[in-house]
Structure formats: structure tokens, C-alpha cells
Amino acid sequence: MSGLEIRGLRVSFDGFTAVDGVDLDVAPGDLRFLIGPNGAGKTTLVDAVTGLVKAEGSARFGGEELLGRAVHRIARSGIGRTFQTATVFEELTVLQNLDIAAGAGRSMWTMLRRRKDVPESVAKAMETVGLTDLADSPAGTLAHGQKQWLEIGMLLVQDVRLLLLDEPVAGMSHDERQATGELLQRISEERTVVVIEHDMDFMRSFARSVSVLHAGKVLSEGTVAQVQADPKVQEVYLGHTATEDAAPAVVQEA
């Protein structure tokens, strides 16, 4: 299992610095949450790691430098991401979506035809994301949360070792958020997971560690309790610094 090491990461757009010299270490098997106000640089940081924007500095995973590499080469090195809106083939079944994701090098016809047997990697992914009973259901008929789980499953069948998830529970019901958190806990037993999140209740329930970004820099890092008790974080989120005798403020999204 590998971790993510970022040093001096900087991303600028037309003179505006969106990520300003970030250092970040995500240990192997961590379930790290990236939080911070809108415009803090969270998504841009992930865009840089996955090759979608040019960046300066260093981002290494499994000892390999990622910056400067093509998007598809980064993906082949075991890194996968999701976006705020799930991207699945809605006309195809759950099984077909997973089979396509797993099927590099096979013909489209081979991937689309109904199989008598299901590849072990696909069956395991379906079980992990809780969609085995919906294997033959078109992806377009799935509930919002189930589409997100399917997209995560499509990364799992590619044997992704670092998952970068952008607001995976946005728009989900309470039960879907709970199931997603439990899913991420299971996945992080064998993989490293980084979650960009605005849902602070979800963060408090499932984060193993937290990095708070503000104005393109890392403001604070630690456990949920450590971050919540940090006066710098309270000032950014709540507009004031806690007094010594005040209880640690609960981080709330600005």
C-alpha cells in the first residue's frame, strides 16, 4: 500500500494562485478528508495530482512523480478520481459498467454481451459497493447514491490504489451518506482514500485525518478533534478565535 507525498505544490491561473505551496502527506491506508471554504484550493489540488491542471512542485505516489505526466499515465499508475456528478453509462447495466471499466484490451462486443460467468474482480467490486442484487439493472435507474457507489466500483475493478473523491455524498439522503461512509472505511482497509467534502457531519463521522485548506494553503491538520480545537480553523469557519475556557467549536461549513 502506498501513500501520497506532496511538496511545494503550486497552481496559478492568469496570475491568481489557487494552490500556494502546499505540503501534504497522506499515509498509506488513510481516509483523509480535505475541507475548507469555497475557493480554498481543494479541487484544484486534486486536479493537479491527476494531471488535469499544470502545477509546480512535487506530487509522488508509490515513489513515482506524478506532475508533468499525462492524465492516462497517472491513471495507469493506480490513481482514480470521481467528480461531483457521477459519470456512468446510464443505458448499460451495473454489470456492464463494471465490465467495461475492468475490460481494457477486450472488444466492445465482448464487454457488452451477457456473460455466463462474472469475472472475480467485477463480482468483488459489486459486493463491496453493495450492488450485487442490481447487477442487471440499467445504471440510469439507480438512486443517486447508488450511481456514486457504481462509479467507485468502476475504480475498484481497475485496481486503483489511491482514490480521490470529490464530494461523494453531495445530494445524498442520510441513509445513503451513512452507507457511503461505511463503504469508504472498507475501501481504505486496502487502499488510500482522499475525500474533498463540505458535509461536516459526514467528515466528523468518518474521517481518520483531516487537512483544512484556506486561500490555497494548508491551515491545519490532524484528527477531527485536533482540527476542531484549532483557533485558526475556528477563526476561518466561525469568524472568531476561541477563548481559553470555551469548548472546542464544532467545525461548520462556511
C-alpha atoms as a PDB file:
ATOM      1  CA  MET A   1       0.000   0.000   0.000  1.00  0.00           C
ATOM      2  CA  SER A   2       1.306   3.441  -0.941  1.00  0.00           C
ATOM      3  CA  GLY A   3       0.861   6.949   0.393  1.00  0.00           C
ATOM      4  CA  LEU A   4       0.688  10.356  -1.283  1.00  0.00           C
ATOM      5  CA  GLU A   5       3.504  12.862  -0.757  1.00  0.00           C
ATOM      6  CA  ILE A   6       3.033  16.450  -1.925  1.00  0.00           C
ATOM      7  CA  ARG A   7       5.740  19.102  -1.615  1.00  0.00           C
ATOM      8  CA  GLY A   8       5.570  22.769  -2.570  1.00  0.00           C
ATOM      9  CA  LEU A   9       2.551  22.283  -4.832  1.00  0.00           C
ATOM     10  CA  ARG A  10       1.602  25.485  -6.599  1.00  0.00           C
ATOM     11  CA  VAL A  11      -1.086  26.113  -9.223  1.00  0.00           C
ATOM     12  CA  SER A  12      -1.699  29.529 -10.786  1.00  0.00           C
ATOM     13  CA  PHE A  13      -4.263  30.751 -13.281  1.00  0.00           C
ATOM     14  CA  ASP A  14      -3.572  34.066 -15.041  1.00  0.00           C
ATOM     15  CA  GLY A  15      -1.714  35.437 -12.058  1.00  0.00           C
ATOM     16  CA  PHE A  16      -4.102  34.041  -9.432  1.00  0.00           C
ATOM     17  CA  THR A  17      -2.527  31.434  -7.164  1.00  0.00           C
ATOM     18  CA  ALA A  18      -5.137  28.770  -6.399  1.00  0.00           C
ATOM     19  CA  VAL A  19      -2.767  26.391  -4.604  1.00  0.00           C
ATOM     20  CA  ASP A  20       0.085  28.152  -2.852  1.00  0.00           C
ATOM     21  CA  GLY A  21       2.998  25.909  -1.898  1.00  0.00           C
ATOM     22  CA  VAL A  22       1.070  23.052  -0.290  1.00  0.00           C
ATOM     23  CA  ASP A  23       2.889  20.279   1.575  1.00  0.00           C
ATOM     24  CA  LEU A  24       0.700  17.258   2.270  1.00  0.00           C
ATOM     25  CA  ASP A  25       1.396  13.706   3.436  1.00  0.00           C
ATOM     26  CA  VAL A  26      -1.368  11.105   3.233  1.00  0.00           C
ATOM     27  CA  ALA A  27      -0.267   7.861   4.850  1.00  0.00           C
ATOM     28  CA  PRO A  28      -0.988   4.517   3.194  1.00  0.00           C
ATOM     29  CA  GLY A  29      -4.472   3.324   4.165  1.00  0.00           C
ATOM     30  CA  ASP A  30      -5.550   6.725   5.441  1.00  0.00           C
ATOM     31  CA  LEU A  31      -9.076   8.063   4.974  1.00  0.00           C
ATOM     32  CA  ARG A  32      -8.119  11.727   4.657  1.00  0.00           C
ATOM     33  CA  PHE A  33     -10.691  14.489   4.340  1.00  0.00           C
ATOM     34  CA  LEU A  34      -9.822  17.797   2.676  1.00  0.00           C
ATOM     35  CA  ILE A  35     -12.077  20.557   3.935  1.00  0.00           C
ATOM     36  CA  GLY A  36     -12.144  24.329   3.690  1.00  0.00           C
ATOM     37  CA  PRO A  37     -14.271  27.219   2.448  1.00  0.00           C
ATOM     38  CA  ASN A  38     -15.159  27.544  -1.221  1.00  0.00           C
ATOM     39  CA  GLY A  39     -12.116  28.659  -3.199  1.00  0.00           C
ATOM     40  CA  ALA A  40      -9.664  27.143  -0.717  1.00  0.00           C
ATOM     41  CA  GLY A  41      -7.969  25.102  -3.459  1.00  0.00           C
ATOM     42  CA  LYS A  42      -9.255  21.618  -2.630  1.00  0.00           C
ATOM     43  CA  THR A  43     -10.449  20.541  -6.083  1.00  0.00           C
ATOM     44  CA  THR A  44      -7.548  22.310  -7.811  1.00  0.00           C
ATOM     45  CA  LEU A  45      -5.121  20.303  -5.676  1.00  0.00           C
ATOM     46  CA  VAL A  46      -6.754  17.050  -6.804  1.00  0.00           C
ATOM     47  CA  ASP A  47      -6.817  18.315 -10.412  1.00  0.00           C
ATOM     48  CA  ALA A  48      -3.059  18.844 -10.169  1.00  0.00           C
ATOM     49  CA  VAL A  49      -2.406  15.382  -8.750  1.00  0.00           C
ATOM     50  CA  THR A  50      -4.447  13.770 -11.551  1.00  0.00           C
ATOM     51  CA  GLY A  51      -2.867  15.822 -14.339  1.00  0.00           C
ATOM     52  CA  LEU A  52      -5.845  17.996 -15.225  1.00  0.00           C
ATOM     53  CA  VAL A  53      -4.015  21.257 -14.474  1.00  0.00           C
ATOM     54  CA  LYS A  54      -0.351  22.170 -14.676  1.00  0.00           C
ATOM     55  CA  ALA A  55       1.421  22.556 -11.355  1.00  0.00           C
ATOM     56  CA  GLU A  56       4.827  23.261  -9.888  1.00  0.00           C
ATOM     57  CA  GLY A  57       6.416  21.338  -7.051  1.00  0.00           C
ATOM     58  CA  SER A  58       6.160  17.617  -6.480  1.00  0.00           C
ATOM     59  CA  ALA A  59       3.411  15.023  -6.021  1.00  0.00           C
ATOM     60  CA  ARG A  60       4.593  11.451  -5.549  1.00  0.00           C
ATOM     61  CA  PHE A  61       2.619   8.238  -5.144  1.00  0.00           C
ATOM     62  CA  GLY A  62       4.310   4.914  -4.657  1.00  0.00           C
ATOM     63  CA  GLY A  63       7.626   6.656  -5.161  1.00  0.00           C
ATOM     64  CA  GLU A  64       6.656   7.896  -8.640  1.00  0.00           C
ATOM     65  CA  GLU A  65       6.454  11.571  -9.591  1.00  0.00           C
ATOM     66  CA  LEU A  66       3.016  12.483 -10.965  1.00  0.00           C
ATOM     67  CA  LEU A  67       3.439  16.092 -12.021  1.00  0.00           C
ATOM     68  CA  GLY A  68       4.160  16.500 -15.703  1.00  0.00           C
ATOM     69  CA  ARG A  69       2.737  13.123 -16.651  1.00  0.00           C
ATOM     70  CA  ALA A  70      -0.242  12.655 -18.977  1.00  0.00           C
ATOM     71  CA  VAL A  71      -3.651  12.028 -17.410  1.00  0.00           C
ATOM     72  CA  HIS A  72      -3.903   8.461 -18.733  1.00  0.00           C
ATOM     73  CA  ARG A  73      -0.433   7.603 -17.447  1.00  0.00           C
ATOM     74  CA  ILE A  74      -1.340   8.857 -13.983  1.00  0.00           C
ATOM     75  CA  ALA A  75      -4.490   6.727 -14.079  1.00  0.00           C
ATOM     76  CA  ARG A  76      -2.462   3.672 -15.079  1.00  0.00           C
ATOM     77  CA  SER A  77      -0.217   4.183 -12.069  1.00  0.00           C
ATOM     78  CA  GLY A  78      -3.141   3.276  -9.808  1.00  0.00           C
ATOM     79  CA  ILE A  79      -4.803   6.625  -9.205  1.00  0.00           C
ATOM     80  CA  GLY A  80      -8.503   7.220  -9.784  1.00  0.00           C
ATOM     81  CA  ARG A  81     -10.926  10.010  -9.052  1.00  0.00           C
ATOM     82  CA  THR A  82     -14.596  10.819  -9.064  1.00  0.00           C
ATOM     83  CA  PHE A  83     -16.281  14.142  -9.705  1.00  0.00           C
ATOM     84  CA  GLN A  84     -19.252  15.791  -8.003  1.00  0.00           C
ATOM     85  CA  THR A  85     -21.608  14.300 -10.619  1.00  0.00           C
ATOM     86  CA  ALA A  86     -21.324  10.556 -11.179  1.00  0.00           C
ATOM     87  CA  THR A  87     -20.181   9.537 -14.657  1.00  0.00           C
ATOM     88  CA  VAL A  88     -21.673   6.160 -15.583  1.00  0.00           C
ATOM     89  CA  PHE A  89     -23.128   4.629 -18.745  1.00  0.00           C
ATOM     90  CA  GLU A  90     -26.798   5.029 -17.852  1.00  0.00           C
ATOM     91  CA  GLU A  91     -28.172   2.817 -20.666  1.00  0.00           C
ATOM     92  CA  LEU A  92     -25.968  -0.107 -19.625  1.00  0.00           C
ATOM     93  CA  THR A  93     -26.437  -2.367 -16.639  1.00  0.00           C
ATOM     94  CA  VAL A  94     -24.423  -2.228 -13.436  1.00  0.00           C
ATOM     95  CA  LEU A  95     -22.559  -5.359 -14.530  1.00  0.00           C
ATOM     96  CA  GLN A  96     -21.820  -3.933 -17.983  1.00  0.00           C
ATOM     97  CA  ASN A  97     -20.494  -0.683 -16.493  1.00  0.00           C
ATOM     98  CA  LEU A  98     -18.128  -2.590 -14.240  1.00  0.00           C
ATOM     99  CA  ASP A  99     -17.139  -4.977 -17.023  1.00  0.00           C
ATOM    100  CA  ILE A 100     -16.220  -2.076 -19.314  1.00  0.00           C
ATOM    101  CA  ALA A 101     -14.188  -0.424 -16.552  1.00  0.00           C
ATOM    102  CA  ALA A 102     -12.325  -3.700 -15.996  1.00  0.00           C
ATOM    103  CA  GLY A 103     -12.009  -4.617 -19.656  1.00  0.00           C
ATOM    104  CA  ALA A 104      -9.063  -2.794 -21.151  1.00  0.00           C
ATOM    105  CA  GLY A 105      -7.926  -4.682 -24.242  1.00  0.00           C
ATOM    106  CA  ARG A 106     -11.179  -6.544 -24.904  1.00  0.00           C
ATOM    107  CA  SER A 107     -13.554  -5.756 -27.743  1.00  0.00           C
ATOM    108  CA  MET A 108     -16.674  -3.697 -27.039  1.00  0.00           C
ATOM    109  CA  TRP A 109     -18.856  -6.622 -28.139  1.00  0.00           C
ATOM    110  CA  THR A 110     -17.139  -8.952 -25.698  1.00  0.00           C
ATOM    111  CA  MET A 111     -17.709  -6.476 -22.888  1.00  0.00           C
ATOM    112  CA  LEU A 112     -21.361  -5.794 -23.714  1.00  0.00           C
ATOM    113  CA  ARG A 113     -22.654  -9.310 -24.294  1.00  0.00           C
ATOM    114  CA  ARG A 114     -24.205 -11.102 -21.346  1.00  0.00           C
ATOM    115  CA  ARG A 115     -21.701 -13.392 -19.665  1.00  0.00           C
ATOM    116  CA  LYS A 116     -22.373 -16.810 -18.236  1.00  0.00           C
ATOM    117  CA  ASP A 117     -19.803 -16.088 -15.568  1.00  0.00           C
ATOM    118  CA  VAL A 118     -18.825 -12.845 -13.876  1.00  0.00           C
ATOM    119  CA  PRO A 119     -15.105 -12.036 -13.510  1.00  0.00           C
ATOM    120  CA  GLU A 120     -13.939 -12.299  -9.921  1.00  0.00           C
ATOM    121  CA  SER A 121     -12.798  -8.666  -9.805  1.00  0.00           C
ATOM    122  CA  VAL A 122     -16.202  -7.465 -11.012  1.00  0.00           C
ATOM    123  CA  ALA A 123     -18.117  -9.680  -8.588  1.00  0.00           C
ATOM    124  CA  LYS A 124     -15.958  -8.496  -5.702  1.00  0.00           C
ATOM    125  CA  ALA A 125     -16.443  -4.835  -6.637  1.00  0.00           C
ATOM    126  CA  MET A 126     -20.220  -5.277  -6.879  1.00  0.00           C
ATOM    127  CA  GLU A 127     -20.270  -6.879  -3.460  1.00  0.00           C
ATOM    128  CA  THR A 128     -18.051  -4.182  -1.961  1.00  0.00           C
ATOM    129  CA  VAL A 129     -20.261  -1.321  -3.201  1.00  0.00           C
ATOM    130  CA  GLY A 130     -23.485  -3.181  -2.369  1.00  0.00           C
ATOM    131  CA  LEU A 131     -24.898  -3.503  -5.893  1.00  0.00           C
ATOM    132  CA  THR A 132     -24.831  -7.289  -6.447  1.00  0.00           C
ATOM    133  CA  ASP A 133     -28.633  -7.549  -6.387  1.00  0.00           C
ATOM    134  CA  LEU A 134     -28.828  -4.811  -9.035  1.00  0.00           C
ATOM    135  CA  ALA A 135     -26.283  -6.334 -11.430  1.00  0.00           C
ATOM    136  CA  ASP A 136     -28.760  -6.471 -14.336  1.00  0.00           C
ATOM    137  CA  SER A 137     -30.399  -3.097 -13.641  1.00  0.00           C
ATOM    138  CA  PRO A 138     -29.670  -0.212 -16.032  1.00  0.00           C
ATOM    139  CA  ALA A 139     -27.415   2.328 -14.309  1.00  0.00           C
ATOM    140  CA  GLY A 140     -29.885   5.066 -15.221  1.00  0.00           C
ATOM    141  CA  THR A 141     -32.491   3.528 -12.917  1.00  0.00           C
ATOM    142  CA  LEU A 142     -30.240   3.601  -9.863  1.00  0.00           C
ATOM    143  CA  ALA A 143     -30.787   6.017  -6.993  1.00  0.00           C
ATOM    144  CA  HIS A 144     -28.410   8.970  -6.755  1.00  0.00           C
ATOM    145  CA  GLY A 145     -26.269   7.352  -4.085  1.00  0.00           C
ATOM    146  CA  GLN A 146     -26.117   4.039  -5.929  1.00  0.00           C
ATOM    147  CA  LYS A 147     -24.709   5.776  -9.020  1.00  0.00           C
ATOM    148  CA  GLN A 148     -21.902   7.171  -6.882  1.00  0.00           C
ATOM    149  CA  TRP A 149     -21.230   3.693  -5.488  1.00  0.00           C
ATOM    150  CA  LEU A 150     -21.159   2.281  -9.022  1.00  0.00           C
ATOM    151  CA  GLU A 151     -18.598   4.882 -10.058  1.00  0.00           C
ATOM    152  CA  ILE A 152     -16.458   3.931  -7.066  1.00  0.00           C
ATOM    153  CA  GLY A 153     -16.863   0.284  -8.079  1.00  0.00           C
ATOM    154  CA  MET A 154     -15.615   1.167 -11.561  1.00  0.00           C
ATOM    155  CA  LEU A 155     -12.409   2.411  -9.946  1.00  0.00           C
ATOM    156  CA  LEU A 156     -12.085  -0.683  -7.777  1.00  0.00           C
ATOM    157  CA  VAL A 157     -12.155  -3.076 -10.754  1.00  0.00           C
ATOM    158  CA  GLN A 158      -9.245  -1.095 -12.213  1.00  0.00           C
ATOM    159  CA  ASP A 159      -7.292  -1.900  -9.037  1.00  0.00           C
ATOM    160  CA  VAL A 160      -6.925   1.766  -8.146  1.00  0.00           C
ATOM    161  CA  ARG A 161      -4.694   2.192  -5.083  1.00  0.00           C
ATOM    162  CA  LEU A 162      -5.358   5.897  -4.468  1.00  0.00           C
ATOM    163  CA  LEU A 163      -8.944   7.134  -4.675  1.00  0.00           C
ATOM    164  CA  LEU A 164      -9.586  10.881  -4.866  1.00  0.00           C
ATOM    165  CA  LEU A 165     -13.281  11.571  -4.317  1.00  0.00           C
ATOM    166  CA  ASP A 166     -14.866  14.994  -4.874  1.00  0.00           C
ATOM    167  CA  GLU A 167     -17.881  15.486  -2.575  1.00  0.00           C
ATOM    168  CA  PRO A 168     -19.087  11.875  -2.853  1.00  0.00           C
ATOM    169  CA  VAL A 169     -22.154  12.378  -0.615  1.00  0.00           C
ATOM    170  CA  ALA A 170     -23.465  15.621  -2.142  1.00  0.00           C
ATOM    171  CA  GLY A 171     -27.228  15.317  -2.569  1.00  0.00           C
ATOM    172  CA  MET A 172     -27.461  12.004  -0.729  1.00  0.00           C
ATOM    173  CA  SER A 173     -30.027  11.045   1.891  1.00  0.00           C
ATOM    174  CA  HIS A 174     -28.955  10.398   5.479  1.00  0.00           C
ATOM    175  CA  ASP A 175     -29.002   6.628   4.934  1.00  0.00           C
ATOM    176  CA  GLU A 176     -27.001   6.951   1.704  1.00  0.00           C
ATOM    177  CA  ARG A 177     -24.389   9.100   3.459  1.00  0.00           C
ATOM    178  CA  GLN A 178     -24.054   6.536   6.219  1.00  0.00           C
ATOM    179  CA  ALA A 179     -23.680   3.687   3.726  1.00  0.00           C
ATOM    180  CA  THR A 180     -21.112   5.682   1.745  1.00  0.00           C
ATOM    181  CA  GLY A 181     -19.048   6.373   4.854  1.00  0.00           C
ATOM    182  CA  GLU A 182     -19.033   2.688   5.729  1.00  0.00           C
ATOM    183  CA  LEU A 183     -18.053   1.890   2.131  1.00  0.00           C
ATOM    184  CA  LEU A 184     -15.098   4.276   2.297  1.00  0.00           C
ATOM    185  CA  GLN A 185     -13.988   2.694   5.564  1.00  0.00           C
ATOM    186  CA  ARG A 186     -13.985  -0.742   3.908  1.00  0.00           C
ATOM    187  CA  ILE A 187     -12.138   0.511   0.832  1.00  0.00           C
ATOM    188  CA  SER A 188      -9.440   2.220   2.892  1.00  0.00           C
ATOM    189  CA  GLU A 189      -8.517  -1.078   4.525  1.00  0.00           C
ATOM    190  CA  GLU A 190      -6.640  -1.914   1.309  1.00  0.00           C
ATOM    191  CA  ARG A 191      -6.282   1.481  -0.398  1.00  0.00           C
ATOM    192  CA  THR A 192      -5.525   5.127   0.335  1.00  0.00           C
ATOM    193  CA  VAL A 193      -8.558   7.423   0.129  1.00  0.00           C
ATOM    194  CA  VAL A 194      -8.723  11.238  -0.054  1.00  0.00           C
ATOM    195  CA  VAL A 195     -12.140  12.902   0.163  1.00  0.00           C
ATOM    196  CA  ILE A 196     -12.984  16.518  -0.679  1.00  0.00           C
ATOM    197  CA  GLU A 197     -16.013  17.294   1.453  1.00  0.00           C
ATOM    198  CA  HIS A 198     -18.343  20.083   2.508  1.00  0.00           C
ATOM    199  CA  ASP A 199     -20.611  17.899   4.667  1.00  0.00           C
ATOM    200  CA  MET A 200     -19.090  18.424   8.099  1.00  0.00           C
ATOM    201  CA  ASP A 201     -21.318  15.869   9.836  1.00  0.00           C
ATOM    202  CA  PHE A 202     -20.077  13.273   7.366  1.00  0.00           C
ATOM    203  CA  MET A 203     -16.479  14.360   7.949  1.00  0.00           C
ATOM    204  CA  ARG A 204     -16.816  14.143  11.715  1.00  0.00           C
ATOM    205  CA  SER A 205     -18.283  10.636  11.466  1.00  0.00           C
ATOM    206  CA  PHE A 206     -15.782   9.026   9.112  1.00  0.00           C
ATOM    207  CA  ALA A 207     -12.515  10.962   8.716  1.00  0.00           C
ATOM    208  CA  ARG A 208      -9.386   9.311  10.118  1.00  0.00           C
ATOM    209  CA  SER A 209      -7.467  12.508   9.494  1.00  0.00           C
ATOM    210  CA  VAL A 210      -8.297  15.993   8.223  1.00  0.00           C
ATOM    211  CA  SER A 211      -6.458  18.705   6.298  1.00  0.00           C
ATOM    212  CA  VAL A 212      -8.011  22.172   6.307  1.00  0.00           C
ATOM    213  CA  LEU A 213      -7.202  24.321   3.280  1.00  0.00           C
ATOM    214  CA  HIS A 214      -7.670  28.078   3.216  1.00  0.00           C
ATOM    215  CA  ALA A 215      -6.605  30.526   0.487  1.00  0.00           C
ATOM    216  CA  GLY A 216      -4.555  27.836  -1.245  1.00  0.00           C
ATOM    217  CA  LYS A 217      -2.567  26.839   1.841  1.00  0.00           C
ATOM    218  CA  VAL A 218      -2.813  24.124   4.491  1.00  0.00           C
ATOM    219  CA  LEU A 219      -4.239  25.860   7.542  1.00  0.00           C
ATOM    220  CA  SER A 220      -4.404  22.917   9.925  1.00  0.00           C
ATOM    221  CA  GLU A 221      -4.031  19.132  10.011  1.00  0.00           C
ATOM    222  CA  GLY A 222      -4.761  16.347  12.457  1.00  0.00           C
ATOM    223  CA  THR A 223      -7.618  14.322  13.824  1.00  0.00           C
ATOM    224  CA  VAL A 224     -11.140  15.700  13.746  1.00  0.00           C
ATOM    225  CA  ALA A 225     -10.831  16.729  17.400  1.00  0.00           C
ATOM    226  CA  GLN A 226      -7.475  18.438  16.843  1.00  0.00           C
ATOM    227  CA  VAL A 227      -8.721  20.393  13.840  1.00  0.00           C
ATOM    228  CA  GLN A 228     -11.919  21.456  15.573  1.00  0.00           C
ATOM    229  CA  ALA A 229      -9.937  22.747  18.545  1.00  0.00           C
ATOM    230  CA  ASP A 230      -7.504  24.753  16.398  1.00  0.00           C
ATOM    231  CA  PRO A 231      -8.143  28.500  16.883  1.00  0.00           C
ATOM    232  CA  LYS A 232      -7.032  29.204  13.306  1.00  0.00           C
ATOM    233  CA  VAL A 233      -9.736  26.880  11.976  1.00  0.00           C
ATOM    234  CA  GLN A 234     -12.363  28.398  14.254  1.00  0.00           C
ATOM    235  CA  GLU A 235     -11.446  31.858  13.047  1.00  0.00           C
ATOM    236  CA  VAL A 236     -11.820  30.876   9.384  1.00  0.00           C
ATOM    237  CA  TYR A 237     -15.070  28.988   9.848  1.00  0.00           C
ATOM    238  CA  LEU A 238     -16.726  30.898  12.658  1.00  0.00           C
ATOM    239  CA  GLY A 239     -15.179  34.357  12.356  1.00  0.00           C
ATOM    240  CA  HIS A 240     -13.588  34.431  15.801  1.00  0.00           C
ATOM    241  CA  THR A 241     -10.866  32.821  17.872  1.00  0.00           C
ATOM    242  CA  ALA A 242     -11.971  30.626  20.746  1.00  0.00           C
ATOM    243  CA  THR A 243     -11.253  31.796  24.258  1.00  0.00           C
ATOM    244  CA  GLU A 244      -9.240  29.545  26.529  1.00  0.00           C
ATOM    245  CA  ASP A 245     -12.237  28.452  28.565  1.00  0.00           C
ATOM    246  CA  ALA A 246     -14.540  27.903  25.595  1.00  0.00           C
ATOM    247  CA  ALA A 247     -15.399  24.411  24.451  1.00  0.00           C
ATOM    248  CA  PRO A 248     -13.816  23.389  21.131  1.00  0.00           C
ATOM    249  CA  ALA A 249     -16.026  24.743  18.380  1.00  0.00           C
ATOM    250  CA  VAL A 250     -17.692  22.357  16.025  1.00  0.00           C
ATOM    251  CA  VAL A 251     -16.375  22.991  12.540  1.00  0.00           C
ATOM    252  CA  GLN A 252     -19.188  24.086  10.291  1.00  0.00           C
ATOM    253  CA  GLU A 253     -19.010  24.716   6.567  1.00  0.00           C
ATOM    254  CA  ALA A 254     -18.910  28.391   5.696  1.00  0.00           C
END
